C-alpha atoms as a PDB file:
ATOM      1  CA  MET A   1     134.769  92.875  75.308  1.00  0.00           C
ATOM      2  CA  ASP A   2     136.747  89.328  74.836  1.00  0.00           C
ATOM      3  CA  ALA A   3     138.059  87.938  71.538  1.00  0.00           C
ATOM      4  CA  SER A   4     134.909  86.519  70.549  1.00  0.00           C
ATOM      5  CA  ASP A   5     132.618  89.430  71.156  1.00  0.00           C
ATOM      6  CA  PHE A   6     134.963  91.368  69.105  1.00  0.00           C
ATOM      7  CA  MET A   7     135.119  89.075  66.659  1.00  0.00           C
ATOM      8  CA  ASP A   8     130.996  89.192  66.456  1.00  0.00           C
ATOM      9  CA  ALA A   9     131.361  92.494  66.276  1.00  0.00           C
ATOM     10  CA  LEU A  10     133.599  92.485  63.388  1.00  0.00           C
ATOM     11  CA  VAL A  11     131.645  90.144  60.955  1.00  0.00           C
ATOM     12  CA  GLN A  12     128.581  92.238  62.066  1.00  0.00           C
ATOM     13  CA  LEU A  13     130.479  95.222  60.870  1.00  0.00           C
ATOM     14  CA  SER A  14     131.669  93.555  57.911  1.00  0.00           C
ATOM     15  CA  ALA A  15     128.472  92.445  56.763  1.00  0.00           C
ATOM     16  CA  TYR A  16     127.117  95.616  56.543  1.00  0.00           C
ATOM     17  CA  GLY A  17     130.043  96.821  54.348  1.00  0.00           C
ATOM     18  CA  ALA A  18     129.143  93.644  52.289  1.00  0.00           C
ATOM     19  CA  VAL A  19     125.513  94.689  51.967  1.00  0.00           C
ATOM     20  CA  GLY A  20     126.442  98.104  50.864  1.00  0.00           C
ATOM     21  CA  ALA A  21     128.834  97.144  48.178  1.00  0.00           C
ATOM     22  CA  THR A  22     126.449  94.349  46.799  1.00  0.00           C
ATOM     23  CA  LEU A  23     123.710  96.969  46.619  1.00  0.00           C
ATOM     24  CA  THR A  24     125.736  99.329  45.083  1.00  0.00           C
ATOM     25  CA  VAL A  25     126.759  97.040  42.285  1.00  0.00           C
ATOM     26  CA  GLY A  26     123.370  95.442  42.177  1.00  0.00           C
ATOM     27  CA  TYR A  27     121.807  98.953  41.421  1.00  0.00           C
ATOM     28  CA  GLY A  28     124.568  99.384  38.548  1.00  0.00           C
ATOM     29  CA  PHE A  29     123.322  96.117  36.919  1.00  0.00           C
ATOM     30  CA  VAL A  30     119.810  96.221  37.365  1.00  0.00           C
ATOM     31  CA  ARG A  31     119.124  98.632  34.582  1.00  0.00           C
ATOM     32  CA  LEU A  32     121.368  96.631  32.154  1.00  0.00           C
ATOM     33  CA  ALA A  33     119.899  93.122  33.048  1.00  0.00           C
ATOM     34  CA  LEU A  34     116.356  94.740  32.138  1.00  0.00           C
ATOM     35  CA  ARG A  35     117.105  96.940  29.335  1.00  0.00           C
ATOM     36  CA  HIS A  36     119.412  94.635  27.409  1.00  0.00           C
ATOM     37  CA  THR A  37     119.491  91.141  25.873  1.00  0.00           C
ATOM     38  CA  GLY A  38     122.457  88.977  24.241  1.00  0.00           C
ATOM     39  CA  ILE A  39     125.706  89.159  25.769  1.00  0.00           C
ATOM     40  CA  ILE A  40     125.064  92.436  28.044  1.00  0.00           C
ATOM     41  CA  GLY A  41     121.796  91.148  29.207  1.00  0.00           C
ATOM     42  CA  HIS A  42     123.285  87.617  30.164  1.00  0.00           C
ATOM     43  CA  LEU A  43     126.337  89.108  32.005  1.00  0.00           C
ATOM     44  CA  ALA A  44     124.227  91.832  33.748  1.00  0.00           C
ATOM     45  CA  THR A  45     121.693  89.053  35.003  1.00  0.00           C
ATOM     46  CA  GLY A  46     124.605  86.847  36.082  1.00  0.00           C
ATOM     47  CA  LEU A  47     126.451  89.440  38.022  1.00  0.00           C
ATOM     48  CA  LEU A  48     122.828  90.647  39.410  1.00  0.00           C
ATOM     49  CA  LEU A  49     121.959  87.391  40.528  1.00  0.00           C
ATOM     50  CA  MET A  50     125.397  86.414  42.037  1.00  0.00           C
ATOM     51  CA  HIS A  51     125.317  89.894  44.204  1.00  0.00           C
ATOM     52  CA  ALA A  52     121.744  89.330  45.017  1.00  0.00           C
ATOM     53  CA  ALA A  53     122.822  85.599  46.526  1.00  0.00           C
ATOM     54  CA  VAL A  54     125.808  86.994  48.336  1.00  0.00           C
ATOM     55  CA  LEU A  55     123.825  90.003  49.556  1.00  0.00           C
ATOM     56  CA  LEU A  56     120.631  87.498  50.940  1.00  0.00           C
ATOM     57  CA  ARG A  57     123.373  85.065  52.106  1.00  0.00           C
ATOM     58  CA  THR A  58     125.307  87.818  53.979  1.00  0.00           C
ATOM     59  CA  LEU A  59     122.324  89.322  55.544  1.00  0.00           C
ATOM     60  CA  TYR A  60     120.751  85.919  56.706  1.00  0.00           C
ATOM     61  CA  TRP A  61     123.944  84.475  58.419  1.00  0.00           C
ATOM     62  CA  ASP A  62     125.694  87.486  59.229  1.00  0.00           C
ATOM     63  CA  GLY A  63     123.083  90.298  59.754  1.00  0.00           C
ATOM     64  CA  LEU A  64     119.729  88.706  61.035  1.00  0.00           C
ATOM     65  CA  ARG A  65     121.506  85.841  63.331  1.00  0.00           C
ATOM     66  CA  GLY A  66     123.785  88.603  64.651  1.00  0.00           C
ATOM     67  CA  ALA A  67     120.826  91.021  65.250  1.00  0.00           C
ATOM     68  CA  LEU A  68     118.272  88.419  66.773  1.00  0.00           C
ATOM     69  CA  PRO A  69     118.732  87.260  70.309  1.00  0.00           C
ATOM     70  CA  ASP A  70     120.336  83.591  70.514  1.00  0.00           C
ATOM     71  CA  PRO A  71     116.923  81.803  71.797  1.00  0.00           C
ATOM     72  CA  VAL A  72     114.809  83.618  68.632  1.00  0.00           C
ATOM     73  CA  TRP A  73     117.581  82.518  66.301  1.00  0.00           C
ATOM     74  CA  GLN A  74     117.859  78.927  67.407  1.00  0.00           C
ATOM     75  CA  ARG A  75     114.116  78.693  67.235  1.00  0.00           C
ATOM     76  CA  TRP A  76     113.899  80.256  63.943  1.00  0.00           C
ATOM     77  CA  TYR A  77     116.859  78.197  62.735  1.00  0.00           C
ATOM     78  CA  ASP A  78     115.137  74.529  64.409  1.00  0.00           C
ATOM     79  CA  MET A  79     111.764  75.583  62.394  1.00  0.00           C
ATOM     80  CA  SER A  80     113.089  76.593  59.123  1.00  0.00           C
ATOM     81  CA  GLY A  81     114.863  73.599  58.690  1.00  0.00           C
ATOM     82  CA  GLU A  82     118.370  74.493  59.957  1.00  0.00           C
ATOM     83  CA  THR A  83     120.332  74.943  56.969  1.00  0.00           C
ATOM     84  CA  ALA A  84     117.527  74.471  54.258  1.00  0.00           C
ATOM     85  CA  ILE A  85     117.407  78.393  53.069  1.00  0.00           C
ATOM     86  CA  ASN A  86     120.660  77.761  51.623  1.00  0.00           C
ATOM     87  CA  LEU A  87     118.873  75.837  48.826  1.00  0.00           C
ATOM     88  CA  LEU A  88     117.586  79.222  47.608  1.00  0.00           C
ATOM     89  CA  PHE A  89     121.146  80.546  47.826  1.00  0.00           C
ATOM     90  CA  ASN A  90     122.709  77.962  46.178  1.00  0.00           C
ATOM     91  CA  THR A  91     119.941  77.957  43.460  1.00  0.00           C
ATOM     92  CA  MET A  92     120.261  81.544  42.598  1.00  0.00           C
ATOM     93  CA  ILE A  93     124.321  81.082  42.237  1.00  0.00           C
ATOM     94  CA  VAL A  94     123.505  77.977  39.811  1.00  0.00           C
ATOM     95  CA  VAL A  95     121.122  80.561  37.769  1.00  0.00           C
ATOM     96  CA  ALA A  96     123.779  83.067  38.006  1.00  0.00           C
ATOM     97  CA  GLY A  97     126.214  80.833  36.487  1.00  0.00           C
ATOM     98  CA  TYR A  98     123.971  79.589  33.791  1.00  0.00           C
ATOM     99  CA  HIS A  99     123.740  83.496  32.563  1.00  0.00           C
ATOM    100  CA  SER A 100     127.276  83.991  33.113  1.00  0.00           C
ATOM    101  CA  LEU A 101     127.857  81.084  30.733  1.00  0.00           C
ATOM    102  CA  LYS A 102     125.537  81.827  28.231  1.00  0.00           C
ATOM    103  CA  ALA A 103     127.362  85.321  28.194  1.00  0.00           C
ATOM    104  CA  LEU A 104     130.349  83.800  27.561  1.00  0.00           C
ATOM    105  CA  ARG A 105     129.305  81.418  24.521  1.00  0.00           C
ATOM    106  CA  LEU A 106     127.860  84.812  23.051  1.00  0.00           C
ATOM    107  CA  SER A 107     131.204  86.517  23.239  1.00  0.00           C
ATOM    108  CA  ILE A 108     132.866  83.466  21.146  1.00  0.00           C
ATOM    109  CA  PRO A 109     132.999  84.572  17.270  1.00  0.00           C
ATOM    110  CA  GLU A 110     129.753  83.514  15.633  1.00  0.00           C
ATOM    111  CA  GLU A 111     131.756  81.303  13.122  1.00  0.00           C
ATOM    112  CA  ILE A 112     133.103  78.793  15.897  1.00  0.00           C
ATOM    113  CA  ARG A 113     130.521  79.532  18.534  1.00  0.00           C
ATOM    114  CA  GLY A 114     128.901  76.265  17.510  1.00  0.00           C
ATOM    115  CA  GLU A 115     131.841  74.397  18.548  1.00  0.00           C
ATOM    116  CA  TYR A 116     131.297  75.194  21.928  1.00  0.00           C
ATOM    117  CA  THR A 117     128.642  74.058  24.647  1.00  0.00           C
ATOM    118  CA  LEU A 118     127.583  76.039  27.386  1.00  0.00           C
ATOM    119  CA  LEU A 119     130.156  74.536  29.993  1.00  0.00           C
ATOM    120  CA  GLY A 120     132.691  74.374  27.035  1.00  0.00           C
ATOM    121  CA  ALA A 121     132.546  78.180  26.339  1.00  0.00           C
ATOM    122  CA  ALA A 122     134.251  78.737  29.762  1.00  0.00           C
ATOM    123  CA  PHE A 123     137.262  77.149  27.868  1.00  0.00           C
ATOM    124  CA  TYR A 124     137.403  79.421  24.924  1.00  0.00           C
ATOM    125  CA  PRO A 125     139.744  79.958  23.715  1.00  0.00           C
ATOM    126  CA  ARG A 126     141.403  76.255  23.909  1.00  0.00           C
ATOM    127  CA  ILE A 127     144.755  76.318  25.121  1.00  0.00           C
ATOM    128  CA  ARG A 128     146.929  75.609  22.274  1.00  0.00           C
ATOM    129  CA  LEU A 129     149.468  73.515  24.375  1.00  0.00           C
ATOM    130  CA  LEU A 130     146.465  70.919  25.899  1.00  0.00           C
ATOM    131  CA  GLU A 131     145.599  70.706  22.147  1.00  0.00           C
ATOM    132  CA  ALA A 132     149.056  69.848  20.660  1.00  0.00           C
ATOM    133  CA  LEU A 133     149.099  67.495  23.776  1.00  0.00           C
ATOM    134  CA  LYS A 134     146.248  65.601  22.936  1.00  0.00           C
ATOM    135  CA  ALA A 135     147.149  65.765  19.024  1.00  0.00           C
ATOM    136  CA  ALA A 136     150.829  64.026  19.874  1.00  0.00           C
ATOM    137  CA  LEU A 137     148.903  61.477  22.295  1.00  0.00           C
ATOM    138  CA  THR A 138     146.383  60.423  19.400  1.00  0.00           C
ATOM    139  CA  ARG A 139     149.355  60.011  17.059  1.00  0.00           C
ATOM    140  CA  PHE A 140     151.485  57.803  19.358  1.00  0.00           C
ATOM    141  CA  TRP A 141     148.286  55.860  19.945  1.00  0.00           C
ATOM    142  CA  ARG A 142     147.640  55.422  16.275  1.00  0.00           C
ATOM    143  CA  ARG A 143     151.060  54.389  15.489  1.00  0.00           C
ATOM    144  CA  PHE A 144     151.738  51.822  18.419  1.00  0.00           C
ATOM    145  CA  PHE A 145     148.160  50.857  18.941  1.00  0.00           C
ATOM    146  CA  GLY A 146     145.870  51.401  16.111  1.00  0.00           C
END
């Protein structure tokens, strides 16, 4: 067994560990995703989708590719549009991000939630230093140019 074979075996072994960890976490969150709405439902759905994307990507690229003989894998890879499968994985990650940001936005106190967009929720609470810098620059601009 040379270094390349050893690394391939290590990748296969770590893929099975990743699958086990992902399935365990997914099992824990599937009930929350299906039974709850609001922040808990969105957070659980985001985590579940992210873990499902990781699981499927790991099974595909590390499990299936390593389990199939090279000629069979190559035929499948050529037939399936090479890396087009990544569109599925990446779409799952984007949808997981949406649910995660939705959960973040719902975690903002209701009285100021309207000040934050879905993307802006990632930046709550606002960093006071940046706000102070913005205010100082605005004052400077108005004093000398406005």
